[in-house]
Amino acid sequence: KELDPGASTQLTLTGKNIIIGVPGAFTTPCNAHIPGY
């Protein structure tokens, strides 16, 4: 899911993509990690 909690989607993987996995939104390390992207 992306913006709509009621709608499922799939990642659109054409061309080059980056997929970043994080342990948890709003956690201190994740809040420091993602602003770089």
Full PDB file with SEQRES, HELIX, SHEET, SSBOND, CRYST1, ORIGX, SCALE, CONECT and MASTER records, all heavy atoms in Angstrom:
SEQRES   1 A   37  LYS GLU LEU ASP PRO GLY ALA SER THR GLN LEU THR LEU          
SEQRES   2 A   37  THR GLY LYS ASN ILE ILE ILE GLY VAL PRO GLY ALA PHE          
SEQRES   3 A   37  THR THR PRO CYS ASN ALA HIS ILE PRO GLY TYR                  
HELIX    1 AA1 THR A   28  HIS A   33  1                                   6    
HELIX    2 AA2 ILE A   34  GLY A   36  5                                   3    
CRYST1    1.000    1.000    1.000  90.00  90.00  90.00 P 1           1          
ORIGX1      1.000000  0.000000  0.000000        0.00000                         
ORIGX2      0.000000  1.000000  0.000000        0.00000                         
ORIGX3      0.000000  0.000000  1.000000        0.00000                         
SCALE1      1.000000  0.000000  0.000000        0.00000                         
SCALE2      0.000000  1.000000  0.000000        0.00000                         
SCALE3      0.000000  0.000000  1.000000        0.00000                         
ATOM      1  N   LYS A   1       0.851  -1.195   0.000  1.00  0.00           N  
ATOM      2  CA  LYS A   1       0.000   0.000   0.000  1.00  0.00           C  
ATOM      3  C   LYS A   1       0.882   1.238   0.000  1.00  0.00           C  
ATOM      4  O   LYS A   1       1.981   1.224   0.535  1.00  0.00           O  
ATOM      5  CB  LYS A   1      -0.924  -0.024   1.212  1.00  0.00           C  
ATOM      6  CG  LYS A   1      -1.889  -1.196   1.150  1.00  0.00           C  
ATOM      7  CD  LYS A   1      -2.733  -1.304   2.374  1.00  0.00           C  
ATOM      8  CE  LYS A   1      -3.652  -2.519   2.228  1.00  0.00           C  
ATOM      9  NZ  LYS A   1      -4.279  -2.893   3.471  1.00  0.00           N  
ATOM     10  N   GLU A   2       0.355   2.301  -0.598  1.00  0.00           N  
ATOM     11  CA  GLU A   2       1.124   3.540  -0.605  1.00  0.00           C  
ATOM     12  C   GLU A   2       0.341   4.625   0.116  1.00  0.00           C  
ATOM     13  O   GLU A   2       0.428   4.739   1.327  1.00  0.00           O  
ATOM     14  CB  GLU A   2       1.494   3.943  -2.029  1.00  0.00           C  
ATOM     15  CG  GLU A   2       2.511   5.059  -2.058  1.00  0.00           C  
ATOM     16  CD  GLU A   2       3.155   5.257  -3.416  1.00  0.00           C  
ATOM     17  OE1 GLU A   2       2.819   4.559  -4.389  1.00  0.00           O  
ATOM     18  OE2 GLU A   2       4.013   6.144  -3.506  1.00  0.00           O  
ATOM     19  N   LEU A   3      -0.431   5.405  -0.566  1.00  0.00           N  
ATOM     20  CA  LEU A   3      -1.111   6.525   0.065  1.00  0.00           C  
ATOM     21  C   LEU A   3      -2.494   6.177   0.602  1.00  0.00           C  
ATOM     22  O   LEU A   3      -2.954   6.766   1.564  1.00  0.00           O  
ATOM     23  CB  LEU A   3      -1.229   7.682  -0.930  1.00  0.00           C  
ATOM     24  CG  LEU A   3       0.109   8.199  -1.463  1.00  0.00           C  
ATOM     25  CD1 LEU A   3      -0.124   9.239  -2.554  1.00  0.00           C  
ATOM     26  CD2 LEU A   3       0.959   8.760  -0.344  1.00  0.00           C  
ATOM     27  N   ASP A   4      -3.153   5.215  -0.017  1.00  0.00           N  
ATOM     28  CA  ASP A   4      -4.517   4.843   0.349  1.00  0.00           C  
ATOM     29  C   ASP A   4      -4.501   3.521   1.111  1.00  0.00           C  
ATOM     30  O   ASP A   4      -4.211   2.480   0.534  1.00  0.00           O  
ATOM     31  CB  ASP A   4      -5.370   4.713  -0.912  1.00  0.00           C  
ATOM     32  CG  ASP A   4      -6.821   4.368  -0.628  1.00  0.00           C  
ATOM     33  OD1 ASP A   4      -7.176   4.086   0.541  1.00  0.00           O  
ATOM     34  OD2 ASP A   4      -7.607   4.381  -1.588  1.00  0.00           O  
ATOM     35  N   PRO A   5      -4.818   3.551   2.407  1.00  0.00           N  
ATOM     36  CA  PRO A   5      -4.795   2.318   3.202  1.00  0.00           C  
ATOM     37  C   PRO A   5      -5.757   1.245   2.706  1.00  0.00           C  
ATOM     38  O   PRO A   5      -5.591   0.076   2.998  1.00  0.00           O  
ATOM     39  CB  PRO A   5      -5.198   2.769   4.606  1.00  0.00           C  
ATOM     40  CG  PRO A   5      -5.079   4.242   4.607  1.00  0.00           C  
ATOM     41  CD  PRO A   5      -5.173   4.719   3.196  1.00  0.00           C  
ATOM     42  N   GLY A   6      -6.731   1.638   1.913  1.00  0.00           N  
ATOM     43  CA  GLY A   6      -7.701   0.681   1.407  1.00  0.00           C  
ATOM     44  C   GLY A   6      -7.379   0.124   0.030  1.00  0.00           C  
ATOM     45  O   GLY A   6      -8.107  -0.718  -0.483  1.00  0.00           O  
ATOM     46  N   ALA A   7      -6.301   0.602  -0.586  1.00  0.00           N  
ATOM     47  CA  ALA A   7      -5.987   0.178  -1.950  1.00  0.00           C  
ATOM     48  C   ALA A   7      -4.606  -0.464  -2.012  1.00  0.00           C  
ATOM     49  O   ALA A   7      -3.618   0.129  -1.609  1.00  0.00           O  
ATOM     50  CB  ALA A   7      -6.037   1.379  -2.888  1.00  0.00           C  
ATOM     51  N   SER A   8      -4.580  -1.662  -2.531  1.00  0.00           N  
ATOM     52  CA  SER A   8      -3.309  -2.354  -2.721  1.00  0.00           C  
ATOM     53  C   SER A   8      -2.745  -2.033  -4.095  1.00  0.00           C  
ATOM     54  O   SER A   8      -3.481  -1.750  -5.037  1.00  0.00           O  
ATOM     55  CB  SER A   8      -3.507  -3.862  -2.593  1.00  0.00           C  
ATOM     56  OG  SER A   8      -3.866  -4.187  -1.271  1.00  0.00           O  
ATOM     57  N   THR A   9      -1.430  -2.084  -4.190  1.00  0.00           N  
ATOM     58  CA  THR A   9      -0.729  -1.831  -5.449  1.00  0.00           C  
ATOM     59  C   THR A   9       0.512  -2.722  -5.477  1.00  0.00           C  
ATOM     60  O   THR A   9       0.756  -3.465  -4.529  1.00  0.00           O  
ATOM     61  CB  THR A   9      -0.348  -0.333  -5.571  1.00  0.00           C  
ATOM     62  OG1 THR A   9       0.164  -0.095  -6.873  1.00  0.00           O  
ATOM     63  CG2 THR A   9       0.667   0.083  -4.523  1.00  0.00           C  
ATOM     64  N   GLN A  10       1.269  -2.636  -6.531  1.00  0.00           N  
ATOM     65  CA  GLN A  10       2.537  -3.346  -6.630  1.00  0.00           C  
ATOM     66  C   GLN A  10       3.601  -2.336  -7.021  1.00  0.00           C  
ATOM     67  O   GLN A  10       3.302  -1.307  -7.627  1.00  0.00           O  
ATOM     68  CB  GLN A  10       2.452  -4.475  -7.656  1.00  0.00           C  
ATOM     69  CG  GLN A  10       1.477  -5.551  -7.218  1.00  0.00           C  
ATOM     70  CD  GLN A  10       1.226  -6.588  -8.290  1.00  0.00           C  
ATOM     71  OE1 GLN A  10       1.579  -6.417  -9.447  1.00  0.00           O  
ATOM     72  NE2 GLN A  10       0.591  -7.672  -7.900  1.00  0.00           N  
ATOM     73  N   LEU A  11       4.845  -2.615  -6.657  1.00  0.00           N  
ATOM     74  CA  LEU A  11       5.930  -1.719  -7.023  1.00  0.00           C  
ATOM     75  C   LEU A  11       6.083  -1.711  -8.538  1.00  0.00           C  
ATOM     76  O   LEU A  11       6.003  -2.755  -9.180  1.00  0.00           O  
ATOM     77  CB  LEU A  11       7.240  -2.174  -6.379  1.00  0.00           C  
ATOM     78  CG  LEU A  11       7.255  -2.279  -4.854  1.00  0.00           C  
ATOM     79  CD1 LEU A  11       8.660  -2.635  -4.383  1.00  0.00           C  
ATOM     80  CD2 LEU A  11       6.776  -1.012  -4.191  1.00  0.00           C  
ATOM     81  N   THR A  12       6.288  -0.533  -9.114  1.00  0.00           N  
ATOM     82  CA  THR A  12       6.507  -0.385 -10.545  1.00  0.00           C  
ATOM     83  C   THR A  12       8.011  -0.436 -10.775  1.00  0.00           C  
ATOM     84  O   THR A  12       8.716   0.524 -10.479  1.00  0.00           O  
ATOM     85  CB  THR A  12       5.942   0.953 -11.042  1.00  0.00           C  
ATOM     86  OG1 THR A  12       4.575   1.030 -10.666  1.00  0.00           O  
ATOM     87  CG2 THR A  12       6.080   1.078 -12.547  1.00  0.00           C  
ATOM     88  N   LEU A  13       8.502  -1.560 -11.275  1.00  0.00           N  
ATOM     89  CA  LEU A  13       9.940  -1.758 -11.412  1.00  0.00           C  
ATOM     90  C   LEU A  13      10.343  -1.785 -12.881  1.00  0.00           C  
ATOM     91  O   LEU A  13      10.505  -2.835 -13.489  1.00  0.00           O  
ATOM     92  CB  LEU A  13      10.365  -3.039 -10.694  1.00  0.00           C  
ATOM     93  CG  LEU A  13      10.102  -3.043  -9.193  1.00  0.00           C  
ATOM     94  CD1 LEU A  13      10.397  -4.408  -8.591  1.00  0.00           C  
ATOM     95  CD2 LEU A  13      10.911  -1.965  -8.498  1.00  0.00           C  
ATOM     96  N   THR A  14      10.482  -0.586 -13.450  1.00  0.00           N  
ATOM     97  CA  THR A  14      11.012  -0.445 -14.801  1.00  0.00           C  
ATOM     98  C   THR A  14      12.230   0.458 -14.686  1.00  0.00           C  
ATOM     99  O   THR A  14      12.243   1.392 -13.884  1.00  0.00           O  
ATOM    100  CB  THR A  14       9.977   0.163 -15.762  1.00  0.00           C  
ATOM    101  OG1 THR A  14       9.538   1.420 -15.244  1.00  0.00           O  
ATOM    102  CG2 THR A  14       8.774  -0.760 -15.931  1.00  0.00           C  
ATOM    103  N   GLY A  15      13.249   0.170 -15.457  1.00  0.00           N  
ATOM    104  CA  GLY A  15      14.480   0.940 -15.348  1.00  0.00           C  
ATOM    105  C   GLY A  15      15.192   0.629 -14.042  1.00  0.00           C  
ATOM    106  O   GLY A  15      14.957  -0.401 -13.411  1.00  0.00           O  
ATOM    107  N   LYS A  16      16.063   1.547 -13.610  1.00  0.00           N  
ATOM    108  CA  LYS A  16      16.784   1.387 -12.334  1.00  0.00           C  
ATOM    109  C   LYS A  16      15.883   1.817 -11.195  1.00  0.00           C  
ATOM    110  O   LYS A  16      15.194   2.835 -11.293  1.00  0.00           O  
ATOM    111  CB  LYS A  16      18.031   2.276 -12.303  1.00  0.00           C  
ATOM    112  CG  LYS A  16      19.199   1.771 -13.068  1.00  0.00           C  
ATOM    113  CD  LYS A  16      20.422   2.625 -12.729  1.00  0.00           C  
ATOM    114  CE  LYS A  16      21.068   3.121 -13.986  1.00  0.00           C  
ATOM    115  NZ  LYS A  16      22.223   3.982 -13.726  1.00  0.00           N  
ATOM    116  N   ASN A  17      15.928   1.049 -10.105  1.00  0.00           N  
ATOM    117  CA  ASN A  17      15.139   1.366  -8.924  1.00  0.00           C  
ATOM    118  C   ASN A  17      15.977   1.125  -7.685  1.00  0.00           C  
ATOM    119  O   ASN A  17      16.891   0.305  -7.698  1.00  0.00           O  
ATOM    120  CB  ASN A  17      13.905   0.468  -8.839  1.00  0.00           C  
ATOM    121  CG  ASN A  17      13.021   0.635 -10.040  1.00  0.00           C  
ATOM    122  OD1 ASN A  17      12.235   1.561 -10.112  1.00  0.00           O  
ATOM    123  ND2 ASN A  17      13.152  -0.265 -11.015  1.00  0.00           N  
ATOM    124  N   ILE A  18      15.614   1.809  -6.614  1.00  0.00           N  
ATOM    125  CA  ILE A  18      16.209   1.582  -5.304  1.00  0.00           C  
ATOM    126  C   ILE A  18      15.060   1.212  -4.369  1.00  0.00           C  
ATOM    127  O   ILE A  18      14.048   1.908  -4.322  1.00  0.00           O  
ATOM    128  CB  ILE A  18      16.903   2.849  -4.746  1.00  0.00           C  
ATOM    129  CG1 ILE A  18      17.824   3.506  -5.762  1.00  0.00           C  
ATOM    130  CG2 ILE A  18      17.603   2.535  -3.429  1.00  0.00           C  
ATOM    131  CD1 ILE A  18      19.041   2.732  -6.137  1.00  0.00           C  
ATOM    132  N   ILE A  19      15.232   0.111  -3.654  1.00  0.00           N  
ATOM    133  CA  ILE A  19      14.247  -0.306  -2.646  1.00  0.00           C  
ATOM    134  C   ILE A  19      14.982  -0.313  -1.307  1.00  0.00           C  
ATOM    135  O   ILE A  19      15.961  -1.044  -1.145  1.00  0.00           O  
ATOM    136  CB  ILE A  19      13.673  -1.700  -2.936  1.00  0.00           C  
ATOM    137  CG1 ILE A  19      13.049  -1.746  -4.329  1.00  0.00           C  
ATOM    138  CG2 ILE A  19      12.661  -2.097  -1.853  1.00  0.00           C  
ATOM    139  CD1 ILE A  19      12.683  -3.141  -4.802  1.00  0.00           C  
ATOM    140  N   ILE A  20      14.516   0.516  -0.382  1.00  0.00           N  
ATOM    141  CA  ILE A  20      15.133   0.604   0.934  1.00  0.00           C  
ATOM    142  C   ILE A  20      14.162   0.019   1.946  1.00  0.00           C  
ATOM    143  O   ILE A  20      13.000   0.420   1.995  1.00  0.00           O  
ATOM    144  CB  ILE A  20      15.432   2.067   1.321  1.00  0.00           C  
ATOM    145  CG1 ILE A  20      16.287   2.749   0.263  1.00  0.00           C  
ATOM    146  CG2 ILE A  20      16.132   2.152   2.674  1.00  0.00           C  
ATOM    147  CD1 ILE A  20      15.583   3.870  -0.405  1.00  0.00           C  
ATOM    148  N   GLY A  21      14.629  -0.919   2.750  1.00  0.00           N  
ATOM    149  CA  GLY A  21      13.819  -1.482   3.818  1.00  0.00           C  
ATOM    150  C   GLY A  21      14.267  -0.899   5.144  1.00  0.00           C  
ATOM    151  O   GLY A  21      15.473  -0.750   5.388  1.00  0.00           O  
ATOM    152  N   VAL A  22      13.294  -0.551   5.978  1.00  0.00           N  
ATOM    153  CA  VAL A  22      13.599   0.017   7.290  1.00  0.00           C  
ATOM    154  C   VAL A  22      12.804  -0.709   8.367  1.00  0.00           C  
ATOM    155  O   VAL A  22      11.689  -1.168   8.129  1.00  0.00           O  
ATOM    156  CB  VAL A  22      13.295   1.532   7.337  1.00  0.00           C  
ATOM    157  CG1 VAL A  22      14.196   2.303   6.389  1.00  0.00           C  
ATOM    158  CG2 VAL A  22      11.835   1.821   7.032  1.00  0.00           C  
ATOM    159  N   PRO A  23      13.360  -0.793   9.586  1.00  0.00           N  
ATOM    160  CA  PRO A  23      12.663  -1.477  10.678  1.00  0.00           C  
ATOM    161  C   PRO A  23      11.364  -0.797  11.113  1.00  0.00           C  
ATOM    162  O   PRO A  23      10.407  -1.471  11.452  1.00  0.00           O  
ATOM    163  CB  PRO A  23      13.680  -1.489  11.817  1.00  0.00           C  
ATOM    164  CG  PRO A  23      14.999  -1.408  11.125  1.00  0.00           C  
ATOM    165  CD  PRO A  23      14.757  -0.524   9.931  1.00  0.00           C  
ATOM    166  N   GLY A  24      11.327   0.532  11.107  1.00  0.00           N  
ATOM    167  CA  GLY A  24      10.089   1.159  11.552  1.00  0.00           C  
ATOM    168  C   GLY A  24      10.039   2.649  11.303  1.00  0.00           C  
ATOM    169  O   GLY A  24      10.979   3.375  11.639  1.00  0.00           O  
ATOM    170  N   ALA A  25       8.941   3.095  10.723  1.00  0.00           N  
ATOM    171  CA  ALA A  25       8.712   4.521  10.524  1.00  0.00           C  
ATOM    172  C   ALA A  25       8.767   5.220  11.883  1.00  0.00           C  
ATOM    173  O   ALA A  25       8.372   4.659  12.899  1.00  0.00           O  
ATOM    174  CB  ALA A  25       7.347   4.739   9.885  1.00  0.00           C  
ATOM    175  N   PHE A  26       9.283   6.413  11.871  1.00  0.00           N  
ATOM    176  CA  PHE A  26       9.367   7.289  13.039  1.00  0.00           C  
ATOM    177  C   PHE A  26      10.398   6.851  14.083  1.00  0.00           C  
ATOM    178  O   PHE A  26      10.549   7.515  15.097  1.00  0.00           O  
ATOM    179  CB  PHE A  26       7.995   7.486  13.716  1.00  0.00           C  
ATOM    180  CG  PHE A  26       7.039   8.310  12.907  1.00  0.00           C  
ATOM    181  CD1 PHE A  26       6.000   7.706  12.221  1.00  0.00           C  
ATOM    182  CD2 PHE A  26       7.168   9.688  12.826  1.00  0.00           C  
ATOM    183  CE1 PHE A  26       5.102   8.459  11.472  1.00  0.00           C  
ATOM    184  CE2 PHE A  26       6.280  10.445  12.078  1.00  0.00           C  
ATOM    185  CZ  PHE A  26       5.235   9.833  11.403  1.00  0.00           C  
ATOM    186  N   THR A  27      11.096   5.749  13.878  1.00  0.00           N  
ATOM    187  CA  THR A  27      12.137   5.373  14.832  1.00  0.00           C  
ATOM    188  C   THR A  27      13.354   6.269  14.594  1.00  0.00           C  
ATOM    189  O   THR A  27      13.580   6.757  13.487  1.00  0.00           O  
ATOM    190  CB  THR A  27      12.540   3.893  14.706  1.00  0.00           C  
ATOM    191  OG1 THR A  27      13.086   3.674  13.406  1.00  0.00           O  
ATOM    192  CG2 THR A  27      11.344   2.966  14.949  1.00  0.00           C  
ATOM    193  N   THR A  28      14.140   6.484  15.630  1.00  0.00           N  
ATOM    194  CA  THR A  28      15.274   7.402  15.539  1.00  0.00           C  
ATOM    195  C   THR A  28      16.252   7.043  14.423  1.00  0.00           C  
ATOM    196  O   THR A  28      16.595   7.912  13.609  1.00  0.00           O  
ATOM    197  CB  THR A  28      15.990   7.498  16.901  1.00  0.00           C  
ATOM    198  OG1 THR A  28      15.035   7.943  17.866  1.00  0.00           O  
ATOM    199  CG2 THR A  28      17.152   8.465  16.857  1.00  0.00           C  
ATOM    200  N   PRO A  29      16.720   5.777  14.302  1.00  0.00           N  
ATOM    201  CA  PRO A  29      17.655   5.474  13.210  1.00  0.00           C  
ATOM    202  C   PRO A  29      17.026   5.665  11.825  1.00  0.00           C  
ATOM    203  O   PRO A  29      17.698   6.138  10.905  1.00  0.00           O  
ATOM    204  CB  PRO A  29      18.032   4.009  13.440  1.00  0.00           C  
ATOM    205  CG  PRO A  29      17.720   3.745  14.866  1.00  0.00           C  
ATOM    206  CD  PRO A  29      16.563   4.635  15.201  1.00  0.00           C  
ATOM    207  N   CYS A  30      15.763   5.322  11.685  1.00  0.00           N  
ATOM    208  CA  CYS A  30      15.095   5.466  10.385  1.00  0.00           C  
ATOM    209  C   CYS A  30      14.872   6.938  10.046  1.00  0.00           C  
ATOM    210  O   CYS A  30      14.995   7.337   8.884  1.00  0.00           O  
ATOM    211  CB  CYS A  30      13.788   4.691  10.370  1.00  0.00           C  
ATOM    212  SG  CYS A  30      14.041   2.909  10.559  1.00  0.00           S  
ATOM    213  N   ASN A  31      14.581   7.750  11.064  1.00  0.00           N  
ATOM    214  CA  ASN A  31      14.434   9.189  10.844  1.00  0.00           C  
ATOM    215  C   ASN A  31      15.750   9.822  10.406  1.00  0.00           C  
ATOM    216  O   ASN A  31      15.743  10.843   9.726  1.00  0.00           O  
ATOM    217  CB  ASN A  31      13.940   9.889  12.115  1.00  0.00           C  
ATOM    218  CG  ASN A  31      12.466   9.709  12.346  1.00  0.00           C  
ATOM    219  OD1 ASN A  31      11.716   9.351  11.438  1.00  0.00           O  
ATOM    220  ND2 ASN A  31      12.029   9.949  13.568  1.00  0.00           N  
ATOM    221  N   ALA A  32      16.876   9.215  10.766  1.00  0.00           N  
ATOM    222  CA  ALA A  32      18.185   9.709  10.339  1.00  0.00           C  
ATOM    223  C   ALA A  32      18.590   9.128   8.988  1.00  0.00           C  
ATOM    224  O   ALA A  32      19.338   9.757   8.233  1.00  0.00           O  
ATOM    225  CB  ALA A  32      19.239   9.362  11.392  1.00  0.00           C  
ATOM    226  N   HIS A  33      18.103   7.937   8.655  1.00  0.00           N  
ATOM    227  CA  HIS A  33      18.488   7.212   7.443  1.00  0.00           C  
ATOM    228  C   HIS A  33      17.846   7.799   6.177  1.00  0.00           C  
ATOM    229  O   HIS A  33      18.521   8.074   5.190  1.00  0.00           O  
ATOM    230  CB  HIS A  33      18.077   5.749   7.627  1.00  0.00           C  
ATOM    231  CG  HIS A  33      18.460   4.830   6.522  1.00  0.00           C  
ATOM    232  ND1 HIS A  33      17.881   3.595   6.382  1.00  0.00           N  
ATOM    233  CD2 HIS A  33      19.338   4.922   5.495  1.00  0.00           C  
ATOM    234  CE1 HIS A  33      18.405   2.978   5.341  1.00  0.00           C  
ATOM    235  NE2 HIS A  33      19.287   3.769   4.777  1.00  0.00           N  
ATOM    236  N   ILE A  34      16.551   7.959   6.192  1.00  0.00           N  
ATOM    237  CA  ILE A  34      15.789   8.264   4.983  1.00  0.00           C  
ATOM    238  C   ILE A  34      15.959   9.695   4.466  1.00  0.00           C  
ATOM    239  O   ILE A  34      15.927   9.900   3.252  1.00  0.00           O  
ATOM    240  CB  ILE A  34      14.306   7.891   5.188  1.00  0.00           C  
ATOM    241  CG1 ILE A  34      14.188   6.394   5.486  1.00  0.00           C  
ATOM    242  CG2 ILE A  34      13.465   8.288   3.980  1.00  0.00           C  
ATOM    243  CD1 ILE A  34      14.906   5.476   4.481  1.00  0.00           C  
ATOM    244  N   PRO A  35      16.201  10.698   5.293  1.00  0.00           N  
ATOM    245  CA  PRO A  35      16.398  12.039   4.736  1.00  0.00           C  
ATOM    246  C   PRO A  35      17.529  12.121   3.701  1.00  0.00           C  
ATOM    247  O   PRO A  35      17.451  12.949   2.781  1.00  0.00           O  
ATOM    248  CB  PRO A  35      16.698  12.903   5.966  1.00  0.00           C  
ATOM    249  CG  PRO A  35      15.886  12.245   7.037  1.00  0.00           C  
ATOM    250  CD  PRO A  35      16.076  10.760   6.764  1.00  0.00           C  
ATOM    251  N   GLY A  36      18.527  11.262   3.788  1.00  0.00           N  
ATOM    252  CA  GLY A  36      19.578  11.241   2.771  1.00  0.00           C  
ATOM    253  C   GLY A  36      19.021  10.941   1.391  1.00  0.00           C  
ATOM    254  O   GLY A  36      19.436  11.545   0.393  1.00  0.00           O  
ATOM    255  N   TYR A  37      18.085  10.024   1.311  1.00  0.00           N  
ATOM    256  CA  TYR A  37      17.458   9.695   0.021  1.00  0.00           C  
ATOM    257  C   TYR A  37      16.589  10.844  -0.471  1.00  0.00           C  
ATOM    258  O   TYR A  37      16.552  11.139  -1.664  1.00  0.00           O  
ATOM    259  CB  TYR A  37      16.657   8.398   0.129  1.00  0.00           C  
ATOM    260  CG  TYR A  37      17.547   7.189   0.223  1.00  0.00           C  
ATOM    261  CD1 TYR A  37      17.914   6.668   1.454  1.00  0.00           C  
ATOM    262  CD2 TYR A  37      18.055   6.587  -0.927  1.00  0.00           C  
ATOM    263  CE1 TYR A  37      18.761   5.569   1.544  1.00  0.00           C  
ATOM    264  CE2 TYR A  37      18.896   5.490  -0.851  1.00  0.00           C  
ATOM    265  CZ  TYR A  37      19.249   4.985   0.392  1.00  0.00           C  
ATOM    266  OH  TYR A  37      20.097   3.905   0.466  1.00  0.00           O  
TER     267      TYR A  37                                                      
MASTER        0    0    0    2    0    0    0    6  266    1    0    3          
END                                                                             
